[in-house]
C-alpha atoms as a PDB file:
ATOM      1  CA  MET A   1     135.315 -13.025 115.132  1.00  0.00           C
ATOM      2  CA  LEU A   2     137.531 -11.432 117.654  1.00  0.00           C
ATOM      3  CA  LYS A   3     139.779 -10.200 114.750  1.00  0.00           C
ATOM      4  CA  LYS A   4     136.927  -8.420 113.223  1.00  0.00           C
ATOM      5  CA  ILE A   5     135.649  -7.008 116.304  1.00  0.00           C
ATOM      6  CA  ALA A   6     139.264  -5.666 116.978  1.00  0.00           C
ATOM      7  CA  LEU A   7     139.463  -4.204 113.370  1.00  0.00           C
ATOM      8  CA  VAL A   8     136.109  -2.443 113.872  1.00  0.00           C
ATOM      9  CA  LEU A   9     137.081  -0.909 117.135  1.00  0.00           C
ATOM     10  CA  THR A  10     140.412   0.115 115.749  1.00  0.00           C
ATOM     11  CA  LEU A  11     138.875   1.887 112.656  1.00  0.00           C
ATOM     12  CA  ILE A  12     136.406   3.491 115.180  1.00  0.00           C
ATOM     13  CA  VAL A  13     139.215   4.888 117.319  1.00  0.00           C
ATOM     14  CA  PHE A  14     141.098   5.959 114.126  1.00  0.00           C
ATOM     15  CA  ALA A  15     138.118   7.762 112.914  1.00  0.00           C
ATOM     16  CA  GLY A  16     137.735   9.463 116.320  1.00  0.00           C
ATOM     17  CA  ALA A  17     141.278  10.634 116.306  1.00  0.00           C
ATOM     18  CA  LEU A  18     141.009  12.190 112.892  1.00  0.00           C
ATOM     19  CA  SER A  19     137.872  14.014 113.825  1.00  0.00           C
ATOM     20  CA  ALA A  20     139.848  15.321 116.866  1.00  0.00           C
ATOM     21  CA  CYS A  21     142.482  17.185 114.654  1.00  0.00           C
ATOM     22  CA  GLY A  22     142.013  20.578 113.912  1.00  0.00           C
ATOM     23  CA  PRO A  23     140.548  23.647 115.735  1.00  0.00           C
ATOM     24  CA  LYS A  24     136.903  23.494 117.014  1.00  0.00           C
ATOM     25  CA  SER A  25     136.420  27.175 117.153  1.00  0.00           C
ATOM     26  CA  ILE A  26     138.015  30.473 115.818  1.00  0.00           C
ATOM     27  CA  GLU A  27     139.651  30.811 119.267  1.00  0.00           C
ATOM     28  CA  GLU A  28     141.581  27.614 119.075  1.00  0.00           C
ATOM     29  CA  VAL A  29     143.361  28.498 115.801  1.00  0.00           C
ATOM     30  CA  GLU A  30     147.012  28.967 116.450  1.00  0.00           C
ATOM     31  CA  GLY A  31     149.412  30.841 114.191  1.00  0.00           C
ATOM     32  CA  GLU A  32     151.692  33.836 114.055  1.00  0.00           C
ATOM     33  CA  THR A  33     150.602  37.667 113.792  1.00  0.00           C
ATOM     34  CA  TYR A  34     152.044  39.504 111.032  1.00  0.00           C
ATOM     35  CA  GLU A  35     151.884  43.265 110.519  1.00  0.00           C
ATOM     36  CA  CYS A  36     152.111  45.926 107.653  1.00  0.00           C
ATOM     37  CA  SER A  37     152.301  49.510 108.406  1.00  0.00           C
ATOM     38  CA  GLN A  38     148.457  49.915 108.669  1.00  0.00           C
ATOM     39  CA  PHE A  39     147.315  46.745 110.479  1.00  0.00           C
ATOM     40  CA  THR A  40     147.974  43.192 111.711  1.00  0.00           C
ATOM     41  CA  ALA A  41     146.350  39.912 111.132  1.00  0.00           C
ATOM     42  CA  LEU A  42     146.779  36.287 112.287  1.00  0.00           C
ATOM     43  CA  CYS A  43     148.519  33.733 109.861  1.00  0.00           C
ATOM     44  CA  PRO A  44     147.160  30.210 110.973  1.00  0.00           C
ATOM     45  CA  LYS A  45     149.364  27.445 111.342  1.00  0.00           C
ATOM     46  CA  GLY A  46     149.663  25.475 108.033  1.00  0.00           C
ATOM     47  CA  TRP A  47     149.594  28.757 106.198  1.00  0.00           C
ATOM     48  CA  MET A  48     152.512  30.960 105.083  1.00  0.00           C
ATOM     49  CA  ASN A  49     152.845  34.719 105.034  1.00  0.00           C
ATOM     50  CA  SER A  50     154.095  36.016 101.645  1.00  0.00           C
ATOM     51  CA  PRO A  51     155.243  39.621 101.633  1.00  0.00           C
ATOM     52  CA  VAL A  52     153.509  41.837  99.319  1.00  0.00           C
ATOM     53  CA  LYS A  53     155.394  44.562  97.400  1.00  0.00           C
ATOM     54  CA  GLU A  54     154.174  47.987  96.388  1.00  0.00           C
ATOM     55  CA  LEU A  55     152.777  47.923  92.665  1.00  0.00           C
ATOM     56  CA  ASN A  56     155.023  50.749  91.784  1.00  0.00           C
ATOM     57  CA  ASN A  57     158.309  49.694  93.452  1.00  0.00           C
ATOM     58  CA  ASP A  58     158.831  45.884  94.086  1.00  0.00           C
ATOM     59  CA  GLN A  59     161.638  46.673  96.478  1.00  0.00           C
ATOM     60  CA  VAL A  60     159.101  48.280  99.067  1.00  0.00           C
ATOM     61  CA  LEU A  61     156.743  46.195 101.218  1.00  0.00           C
ATOM     62  CA  SER A  62     153.111  47.183 100.932  1.00  0.00           C
ATOM     63  CA  MET A  63     151.755  49.542 103.538  1.00  0.00           C
ATOM     64  CA  ASN A  64     148.391  48.007 103.342  1.00  0.00           C
ATOM     65  CA  HIS A  65     148.413  44.446 102.381  1.00  0.00           C
ATOM     66  CA  LEU A  66     149.156  41.122 103.747  1.00  0.00           C
ATOM     67  CA  ARG A  67     148.820  37.771 101.948  1.00  0.00           C
ATOM     68  CA  PHE A  68     148.745  34.291 103.422  1.00  0.00           C
ATOM     69  CA  TYR A  69     148.994  30.904 101.499  1.00  0.00           C
ATOM     70  CA  LYS A  70     147.345  27.765 102.812  1.00  0.00           C
ATOM     71  CA  VAL A  71     150.648  25.940 102.136  1.00  0.00           C
ATOM     72  CA  GLU A  72     153.273  24.434 104.462  1.00  0.00           C
ATOM     73  CA  VAL A  73     156.890  24.855 103.410  1.00  0.00           C
ATOM     74  CA  GLU A  74     159.690  23.065 104.978  1.00  0.00           C
ATOM     75  CA  GLU A  75     162.476  24.990 106.592  1.00  0.00           C
ATOM     76  CA  GLY A  76     164.652  26.337 103.914  1.00  0.00           C
ATOM     77  CA  GLU A  77     162.295  25.308 101.141  1.00  0.00           C
ATOM     78  CA  GLU A  78     161.491  28.077  98.604  1.00  0.00           C
ATOM     79  CA  LEU A  79     157.715  28.969  98.310  1.00  0.00           C
ATOM     80  CA  GLY A  80     158.387  29.166  94.649  1.00  0.00           C
ATOM     81  CA  SER A  81     155.667  27.623  92.254  1.00  0.00           C
ATOM     82  CA  LYS A  82     153.607  26.736  95.230  1.00  0.00           C
ATOM     83  CA  LEU A  83     152.252  30.406  95.108  1.00  0.00           C
ATOM     84  CA  TYR A  84     150.337  29.671  91.926  1.00  0.00           C
ATOM     85  CA  SER A  85     148.758  26.340  92.855  1.00  0.00           C
ATOM     86  CA  ASN A  86     147.448  26.989  96.628  1.00  0.00           C
ATOM     87  CA  ALA A  87     144.678  28.778  98.181  1.00  0.00           C
ATOM     88  CA  TYR A  88     145.385  32.165  99.424  1.00  0.00           C
ATOM     89  CA  VAL A  89     143.950  35.219 101.258  1.00  0.00           C
ATOM     90  CA  ASP A  90     144.992  38.762 100.481  1.00  0.00           C
ATOM     91  CA  ILE A  91     143.887  41.462 102.813  1.00  0.00           C
ATOM     92  CA  ALA A  92     143.991  45.131 102.100  1.00  0.00           C
ATOM     93  CA  HIS A  93     143.101  47.934 104.205  1.00  0.00           C
ATOM     94  CA  TYR A  94     141.819  51.188 102.769  1.00  0.00           C
ATOM     95  CA  PRO A  95     140.036  54.412 104.226  1.00  0.00           C
ATOM     96  CA  ALA A  96     136.536  53.505 105.328  1.00  0.00           C
ATOM     97  CA  ASP A  97     134.847  55.370 102.389  1.00  0.00           C
ATOM     98  CA  SER A  98     136.909  53.556  99.752  1.00  0.00           C
ATOM     99  CA  LYS A  99     135.137  52.157  96.733  1.00  0.00           C
ATOM    100  CA  ILE A 100     135.029  48.533  96.142  1.00  0.00           C
ATOM    101  CA  TYR A 101     136.592  47.563  92.830  1.00  0.00           C
ATOM    102  CA  GLU A 102     134.515  44.668  91.833  1.00  0.00           C
ATOM    103  CA  SER A 103     135.535  42.729  88.692  1.00  0.00           C
ATOM    104  CA  ARG A 104     132.626  40.188  88.573  1.00  0.00           C
ATOM    105  CA  ASP A 105     132.802  40.208  84.785  1.00  0.00           C
ATOM    106  CA  ILE A 106     135.857  38.138  84.695  1.00  0.00           C
ATOM    107  CA  TYR A 107     134.395  35.307  86.506  1.00  0.00           C
ATOM    108  CA  GLN A 108     132.006  32.570  85.664  1.00  0.00           C
ATOM    109  CA  ASN A 109     129.343  30.949  87.797  1.00  0.00           C
ATOM    110  CA  VAL A 110     129.324  34.151  90.127  1.00  0.00           C
ATOM    111  CA  GLU A 111     127.463  33.947  93.463  1.00  0.00           C
ATOM    112  CA  ASP A 112     126.813  36.425  96.075  1.00  0.00           C
ATOM    113  CA  VAL A 113     127.948  35.726  99.577  1.00  0.00           C
ATOM    114  CA  GLU A 114     127.101  36.849 103.143  1.00  0.00           C
ATOM    115  CA  PHE A 115     128.385  35.829 106.306  1.00  0.00           C
ATOM    116  CA  GLU A 116     128.958  36.985 110.005  1.00  0.00           C
ATOM    117  CA  ILE A 117     132.417  36.610 111.813  1.00  0.00           C
ATOM    118  CA  SER A 118     132.914  38.102 115.312  1.00  0.00           C
ATOM    119  CA  GLY A 119     129.965  40.302 114.917  1.00  0.00           C
ATOM    120  CA  LYS A 120     130.910  41.893 111.571  1.00  0.00           C
ATOM    121  CA  LYS A 121     128.952  41.384 108.476  1.00  0.00           C
ATOM    122  CA  TRP A 122     131.010  40.548 105.401  1.00  0.00           C
ATOM    123  CA  LYS A 123     129.327  40.448 101.814  1.00  0.00           C
ATOM    124  CA  GLY A 124     130.783  39.994  98.432  1.00  0.00           C
ATOM    125  CA  TYR A 125     130.763  37.179  95.802  1.00  0.00           C
ATOM    126  CA  THR A 126     132.704  34.093  94.383  1.00  0.00           C
ATOM    127  CA  GLY A 127     133.287  33.002  91.084  1.00  0.00           C
ATOM    128  CA  GLU A 128     135.399  30.669  89.008  1.00  0.00           C
ATOM    129  CA  LEU A 129     138.531  31.756  87.049  1.00  0.00           C
ATOM    130  CA  ALA A 130     140.885  29.326  85.225  1.00  0.00           C
ATOM    131  CA  GLY A 131     139.214  26.437  87.027  1.00  0.00           C
ATOM    132  CA  TYR A 132     139.803  27.913  90.450  1.00  0.00           C
ATOM    133  CA  LYS A 133     137.170  29.178  92.980  1.00  0.00           C
ATOM    134  CA  ASN A 134     138.018  32.904  93.802  1.00  0.00           C
ATOM    135  CA  GLY A 135     136.380  35.557  95.800  1.00  0.00           C
ATOM    136  CA  LEU A 136     136.224  39.037  97.102  1.00  0.00           C
ATOM    137  CA  VAL A 137     134.545  40.155 100.304  1.00  0.00           C
ATOM    138  CA  TRP A 138     134.275  43.311 102.288  1.00  0.00           C
ATOM    139  CA  ILE A 139     132.747  44.370 105.363  1.00  0.00           C
ATOM    140  CA  ASP A 140     129.268  45.439 104.720  1.00  0.00           C
ATOM    141  CA  GLY A 141     128.771  49.112 104.252  1.00  0.00           C
ATOM    142  CA  THR A 142     132.431  50.114 103.994  1.00  0.00           C
ATOM    143  CA  GLY A 143     135.355  49.451 101.806  1.00  0.00           C
ATOM    144  CA  GLU A 144     137.706  49.652 104.607  1.00  0.00           C
ATOM    145  CA  TRP A 145     138.767  45.960 104.647  1.00  0.00           C
ATOM    146  CA  GLN A 146     138.728  44.238 101.348  1.00  0.00           C
ATOM    147  CA  VAL A 147     139.727  40.563 101.112  1.00  0.00           C
ATOM    148  CA  SER A 148     140.530  38.716  97.903  1.00  0.00           C
ATOM    149  CA  MET A 149     141.126  35.024  97.915  1.00  0.00           C
ATOM    150  CA  CYS A 150     141.576  31.932  95.914  1.00  0.00           C
ATOM    151  CA  LEU A 151     139.401  29.495  97.627  1.00  0.00           C
ATOM    152  CA  SER A 152     140.402  26.231  95.700  1.00  0.00           C
ATOM    153  CA  ASP A 153     143.717  24.761  94.946  1.00  0.00           C
ATOM    154  CA  GLU A 154     145.312  21.424  93.966  1.00  0.00           C
ATOM    155  CA  ASP A 155     144.978  20.202  97.500  1.00  0.00           C
ATOM    156  CA  GLY A 156     141.410  21.009  98.220  1.00  0.00           C
ATOM    157  CA  ASP A 157     139.044  23.946  98.948  1.00  0.00           C
ATOM    158  CA  VAL A 158     138.944  26.759 101.618  1.00  0.00           C
ATOM    159  CA  GLU A 159     135.378  27.343 102.765  1.00  0.00           C
ATOM    160  CA  PHE A 160     134.038  30.561 104.545  1.00  0.00           C
ATOM    161  CA  GLU A 161     133.051  28.131 107.297  1.00  0.00           C
ATOM    162  CA  ASP A 162     136.705  27.227 107.909  1.00  0.00           C
ATOM    163  CA  PHE A 163     137.895  28.155 111.440  1.00  0.00           C
ATOM    164  CA  ASP A 164     141.164  29.221 110.248  1.00  0.00           C
ATOM    165  CA  PHE A 165     139.756  31.428 107.279  1.00  0.00           C
ATOM    166  CA  GLN A 166     137.385  32.776 110.085  1.00  0.00           C
ATOM    167  CA  ALA A 167     140.136  33.356 112.407  1.00  0.00           C
ATOM    168  CA  ILE A 168     142.224  35.488 109.876  1.00  0.00           C
ATOM    169  CA  LEU A 169     139.193  37.762 109.334  1.00  0.00           C
ATOM    170  CA  SER A 170     138.432  37.975 112.971  1.00  0.00           C
ATOM    171  CA  SER A 171     142.049  38.867 113.925  1.00  0.00           C
ATOM    172  CA  LEU A 172     142.187  42.101 111.667  1.00  0.00           C
ATOM    173  CA  LYS A 173     143.135  44.974 113.783  1.00  0.00           C
ATOM    174  CA  LYS A 174     144.074  48.519 112.639  1.00  0.00           C
ATOM    175  CA  LYS A 175     147.163  50.040 114.107  1.00  0.00           C
END
């Protein structure tokens, strides 16, 4: 009987320890701030920055894009194929009156989304493409910030409610 009680107590302590892992709010998310020439953004711990090159010149870093992958890479390890099998967030900054280039027609199971982070209202949509959940969101009323993302990968999903995702959006600052 004592062994059963000890086992149950051990399981309770273990479950409590697991639930204590990870941030409990946007403010608790740790990471490193990255910048391009137009803005800065937080890349949370457990995510990796991947430089974005200009479309017309793959030798020049993009002036208005940052891309973070939800993947941990060991020191010295190449990101390589992990780029194509992990969730990511691609952030772009444009002039405030920019047009949103929606591509809803390439997705299946399209759903509109709206949420608020740090007092800013975001809207957009999600949909499935090649078995992965993708999305595009922007601050309501402006095309200034456009965030495209792959929300599902081989290791699980990223949700709009995840504090690290919210911390990325909350951290966006123009230079």
